[in-house]
Amino acid sequence: MPKHYRGRRSRIVFIEPAETQVRLLSAAQTAALDGTLNVIAADPGAVKQHATASALRDYQHDGIRVIFYATALGSILIVTYVEVD
């Protein structure tokens, strides 16, 4: 991530399939996802690359999985998949 973006949180945007997944979550699942998104937005570069698509990042922790990719400067994260157990 470029040096001038360190310390700034990235903006998170959901594409349609991920939006649908989020709408189906319970209130408790949504709260858990919120915390996860905050962690990802704070340092998206620390999230490991997806196994089959190097442009994608794959975050998995405590039953939550978020797959996303970042814009060129990392200021916007585009979420493509959400899963919350």
N, C-alpha and C. Protein backbone atom coordinates (compact mmCIF):
# COMPACT_ATOMS: atom_id res chain seq x y z
N MET A 1 0.85 -1.17 0.00
CA MET A 1 0.00 0.00 0.00
C MET A 1 0.90 1.23 0.00
N PRO A 2 0.59 2.27 -0.78
CA PRO A 2 1.42 3.47 -0.80
C PRO A 2 1.53 4.11 0.58
N LYS A 3 2.66 4.71 0.81
CA LYS A 3 2.95 5.30 2.11
C LYS A 3 1.92 6.34 2.54
N HIS A 4 1.40 7.16 1.62
CA HIS A 4 0.48 8.22 1.99
C HIS A 4 -0.89 7.71 2.45
N TYR A 5 -1.17 6.42 2.26
CA TYR A 5 -2.44 5.88 2.73
C TYR A 5 -2.34 5.17 4.06
N ARG A 6 -1.16 5.00 4.59
CA ARG A 6 -1.01 4.34 5.88
C ARG A 6 -1.71 5.19 6.95
N GLY A 7 -2.43 4.51 7.82
CA GLY A 7 -3.15 5.22 8.88
C GLY A 7 -4.57 5.61 8.49
N ARG A 8 -4.89 5.56 7.21
CA ARG A 8 -6.25 5.87 6.75
C ARG A 8 -6.99 4.59 6.48
N ARG A 9 -8.23 4.56 6.85
CA ARG A 9 -9.04 3.38 6.57
C ARG A 9 -9.54 3.43 5.12
N SER A 10 -9.59 2.28 4.54
CA SER A 10 -10.11 2.17 3.18
C SER A 10 -11.63 2.19 3.23
N ARG A 11 -12.24 2.68 2.18
CA ARG A 11 -13.69 2.66 2.05
C ARG A 11 -14.09 1.29 1.53
N ILE A 12 -15.17 0.73 2.06
CA ILE A 12 -15.61 -0.61 1.67
C ILE A 12 -16.90 -0.51 0.87
N VAL A 13 -16.90 -1.20 -0.27
CA VAL A 13 -18.05 -1.22 -1.18
C VAL A 13 -18.38 -2.69 -1.45
N PHE A 14 -19.66 -3.02 -1.48
CA PHE A 14 -20.11 -4.38 -1.77
C PHE A 14 -20.68 -4.45 -3.17
N ILE A 15 -20.30 -5.49 -3.92
CA ILE A 15 -20.97 -5.72 -5.20
C ILE A 15 -22.25 -6.50 -4.92
N GLU A 16 -23.13 -6.60 -5.89
CA GLU A 16 -24.47 -7.14 -5.69
C GLU A 16 -24.51 -8.51 -4.99
N PRO A 17 -23.78 -9.51 -5.40
CA PRO A 17 -23.89 -10.80 -4.69
C PRO A 17 -23.52 -10.67 -3.20
N ALA A 18 -22.52 -9.90 -2.88
CA ALA A 18 -22.13 -9.71 -1.48
C ALA A 18 -23.19 -8.93 -0.73
N GLU A 19 -23.81 -7.94 -1.38
CA GLU A 19 -24.90 -7.18 -0.74
C GLU A 19 -26.05 -8.12 -0.35
N THR A 20 -26.38 -9.02 -1.25
CA THR A 20 -27.45 -9.99 -0.98
C THR A 20 -27.07 -10.87 0.21
N GLN A 21 -25.84 -11.32 0.26
CA GLN A 21 -25.38 -12.15 1.37
C GLN A 21 -25.50 -11.40 2.69
N VAL A 22 -25.13 -10.12 2.69
CA VAL A 22 -25.18 -9.31 3.92
C VAL A 22 -26.62 -9.09 4.37
N ARG A 23 -27.53 -8.88 3.43
CA ARG A 23 -28.94 -8.67 3.77
C ARG A 23 -29.57 -9.87 4.47
N LEU A 24 -29.03 -11.05 4.24
CA LEU A 24 -29.57 -12.27 4.82
C LEU A 24 -29.00 -12.59 6.20
N LEU A 25 -28.05 -11.79 6.68
CA LEU A 25 -27.42 -12.04 7.98
C LEU A 25 -28.32 -11.57 9.12
N SER A 26 -28.17 -12.23 10.26
CA SER A 26 -28.87 -11.80 11.48
C SER A 26 -28.16 -10.57 12.04
N ALA A 27 -28.76 -9.95 13.04
CA ALA A 27 -28.15 -8.77 13.67
C ALA A 27 -26.81 -9.11 14.31
N ALA A 28 -26.73 -10.28 14.96
CA ALA A 28 -25.47 -10.70 15.59
C ALA A 28 -24.39 -10.97 14.54
N GLN A 29 -24.77 -11.58 13.44
CA GLN A 29 -23.81 -11.85 12.37
C GLN A 29 -23.33 -10.55 11.73
N THR A 30 -24.25 -9.60 11.57
CA THR A 30 -23.89 -8.31 10.99
C THR A 30 -22.91 -7.57 11.91
N ALA A 31 -23.12 -7.64 13.20
CA ALA A 31 -22.20 -6.99 14.16
C ALA A 31 -20.82 -7.63 14.08
N ALA A 32 -20.77 -8.95 13.99
CA ALA A 32 -19.48 -9.64 13.87
C ALA A 32 -18.79 -9.26 12.57
N LEU A 33 -19.55 -9.18 11.49
CA LEU A 33 -18.98 -8.78 10.20
C LEU A 33 -18.45 -7.37 10.25
N ASP A 34 -19.15 -6.47 10.93
CA ASP A 34 -18.71 -5.08 11.07
C ASP A 34 -17.31 -5.00 11.67
N GLY A 35 -17.08 -5.76 12.73
CA GLY A 35 -15.77 -5.76 13.37
C GLY A 35 -14.69 -6.27 12.43
N THR A 36 -15.03 -7.30 11.67
CA THR A 36 -14.09 -7.86 10.71
C THR A 36 -13.76 -6.85 9.61
N LEU A 37 -14.77 -6.15 9.12
CA LEU A 37 -14.54 -5.16 8.08
C LEU A 37 -13.66 -4.02 8.58
N ASN A 38 -13.79 -3.66 9.85
CA ASN A 38 -12.92 -2.63 10.42
C ASN A 38 -11.46 -3.08 10.43
N VAL A 39 -11.24 -4.35 10.76
CA VAL A 39 -9.87 -4.90 10.76
C VAL A 39 -9.30 -4.88 9.34
N ILE A 40 -10.10 -5.31 8.38
CA ILE A 40 -9.65 -5.34 6.99
C ILE A 40 -9.37 -3.93 6.48
N ALA A 41 -10.25 -2.99 6.77
CA ALA A 41 -10.09 -1.62 6.29
C ALA A 41 -8.86 -0.93 6.88
N ALA A 42 -8.48 -1.32 8.09
CA ALA A 42 -7.32 -0.71 8.72
C ALA A 42 -6.02 -1.10 8.02
N ASP A 43 -5.94 -2.33 7.51
CA ASP A 43 -4.71 -2.77 6.84
C ASP A 43 -5.01 -3.87 5.83
N PRO A 44 -5.59 -3.51 4.69
CA PRO A 44 -5.96 -4.53 3.70
C PRO A 44 -4.75 -5.26 3.11
N GLY A 45 -3.61 -4.62 3.11
CA GLY A 45 -2.40 -5.24 2.57
C GLY A 45 -1.92 -6.42 3.39
N ALA A 46 -2.35 -6.52 4.63
CA ALA A 46 -1.93 -7.62 5.51
C ALA A 46 -2.76 -8.89 5.28
N VAL A 47 -3.81 -8.79 4.51
CA VAL A 47 -4.68 -9.94 4.24
C VAL A 47 -4.06 -10.78 3.14
N LYS A 48 -4.05 -12.11 3.33
CA LYS A 48 -3.41 -13.00 2.36
C LYS A 48 -4.16 -13.02 1.03
N GLN A 49 -3.41 -13.32 -0.01
CA GLN A 49 -4.01 -13.43 -1.34
C GLN A 49 -4.88 -14.67 -1.42
N HIS A 50 -5.90 -14.59 -2.25
CA HIS A 50 -6.79 -15.73 -2.51
C HIS A 50 -5.97 -16.83 -3.19
N ALA A 51 -6.30 -18.07 -2.92
CA ALA A 51 -5.52 -19.20 -3.44
C ALA A 51 -5.53 -19.32 -4.96
N THR A 52 -6.63 -18.95 -5.61
CA THR A 52 -6.72 -19.16 -7.05
C THR A 52 -6.72 -17.88 -7.88
N ALA A 53 -6.87 -16.74 -7.25
CA ALA A 53 -6.90 -15.47 -7.99
C ALA A 53 -6.06 -14.45 -7.24
N SER A 54 -4.89 -14.14 -7.75
CA SER A 54 -3.95 -13.30 -7.02
C SER A 54 -4.42 -11.87 -6.80
N ALA A 55 -5.37 -11.39 -7.60
CA ALA A 55 -5.88 -10.02 -7.40
C ALA A 55 -6.82 -9.94 -6.20
N LEU A 56 -7.37 -11.08 -5.81
CA LEU A 56 -8.31 -11.11 -4.69
C LEU A 56 -7.58 -11.34 -3.38
N ARG A 57 -8.16 -10.83 -2.31
CA ARG A 57 -7.67 -11.07 -0.95
C ARG A 57 -8.72 -11.89 -0.23
N ASP A 58 -8.29 -12.79 0.63
CA ASP A 58 -9.19 -13.72 1.31
C ASP A 58 -8.94 -13.65 2.82
N TYR A 59 -9.86 -13.05 3.56
CA TYR A 59 -9.73 -12.92 5.01
C TYR A 59 -10.66 -13.93 5.68
N GLN A 60 -10.10 -14.76 6.55
CA GLN A 60 -10.89 -15.75 7.29
C GLN A 60 -10.47 -15.71 8.75
N HIS A 61 -11.47 -15.54 9.63
CA HIS A 61 -11.19 -15.50 11.06
C HIS A 61 -12.49 -15.70 11.84
N ASP A 62 -12.47 -16.58 12.82
CA ASP A 62 -13.62 -16.81 13.71
C ASP A 62 -14.94 -17.04 12.97
N GLY A 63 -14.93 -17.86 11.94
CA GLY A 63 -16.16 -18.19 11.23
C GLY A 63 -16.63 -17.13 10.25
N ILE A 64 -15.80 -16.15 9.99
CA ILE A 64 -16.16 -15.09 9.04
C ILE A 64 -15.17 -15.14 7.89
N ARG A 65 -15.69 -15.07 6.69
CA ARG A 65 -14.84 -15.05 5.50
C ARG A 65 -15.28 -13.89 4.62
N VAL A 66 -14.32 -13.10 4.19
CA VAL A 66 -14.57 -11.97 3.30
C VAL A 66 -13.55 -12.05 2.18
N ILE A 67 -14.04 -12.06 0.95
CA ILE A 67 -13.16 -12.02 -0.22
C ILE A 67 -13.37 -10.67 -0.88
N PHE A 68 -12.26 -10.00 -1.18
CA PHE A 68 -12.34 -8.64 -1.73
C PHE A 68 -11.13 -8.36 -2.61
N TYR A 69 -11.20 -7.27 -3.34
CA TYR A 69 -10.02 -6.76 -4.02
C TYR A 69 -9.95 -5.26 -3.78
N ALA A 70 -8.76 -4.71 -3.92
CA ALA A 70 -8.54 -3.29 -3.64
C ALA A 70 -8.30 -2.54 -4.94
N THR A 71 -8.69 -1.28 -4.95
CA THR A 71 -8.38 -0.43 -6.10
C THR A 71 -6.87 -0.19 -6.12
N ALA A 72 -6.39 0.44 -7.17
CA ALA A 72 -4.94 0.62 -7.37
C ALA A 72 -4.24 1.26 -6.17
N LEU A 73 -4.83 2.27 -5.58
CA LEU A 73 -4.20 2.94 -4.43
C LEU A 73 -4.64 2.34 -3.11
N GLY A 74 -5.54 1.39 -3.14
CA GLY A 74 -5.99 0.75 -1.91
C GLY A 74 -6.96 1.56 -1.10
N SER A 75 -7.48 2.63 -1.68
CA SER A 75 -8.40 3.49 -0.92
C SER A 75 -9.83 2.94 -0.91
N ILE A 76 -10.14 2.04 -1.84
CA ILE A 76 -11.47 1.42 -1.89
C ILE A 76 -11.29 -0.09 -1.95
N LEU A 77 -12.03 -0.78 -1.11
CA LEU A 77 -12.05 -2.24 -1.10
C LEU A 77 -13.39 -2.70 -1.64
N ILE A 78 -13.37 -3.56 -2.62
CA ILE A 78 -14.60 -4.05 -3.23
C ILE A 78 -14.82 -5.48 -2.77
N VAL A 79 -15.86 -5.67 -1.96
CA VAL A 79 -16.16 -6.98 -1.38
C VAL A 79 -16.98 -7.77 -2.39
N THR A 80 -16.51 -8.99 -2.67
CA THR A 80 -17.18 -9.84 -3.64
C THR A 80 -17.90 -11.02 -3.02
N TYR A 81 -17.52 -11.39 -1.77
CA TYR A 81 -18.11 -12.55 -1.12
C TYR A 81 -18.05 -12.38 0.38
N VAL A 82 -19.14 -12.75 1.06
CA VAL A 82 -19.21 -12.67 2.52
C VAL A 82 -19.82 -13.97 3.04
N GLU A 83 -19.22 -14.51 4.09
CA GLU A 83 -19.75 -15.71 4.73
C GLU A 83 -19.57 -15.55 6.23
N VAL A 84 -20.66 -15.71 7.00
CA VAL A 84 -20.60 -15.60 8.45
C VAL A 84 -21.32 -16.81 9.02
N ASP A 85 -20.61 -17.59 9.85
CA ASP A 85 -21.22 -18.76 10.50
C ASP A 85 -22.02 -18.35 11.70
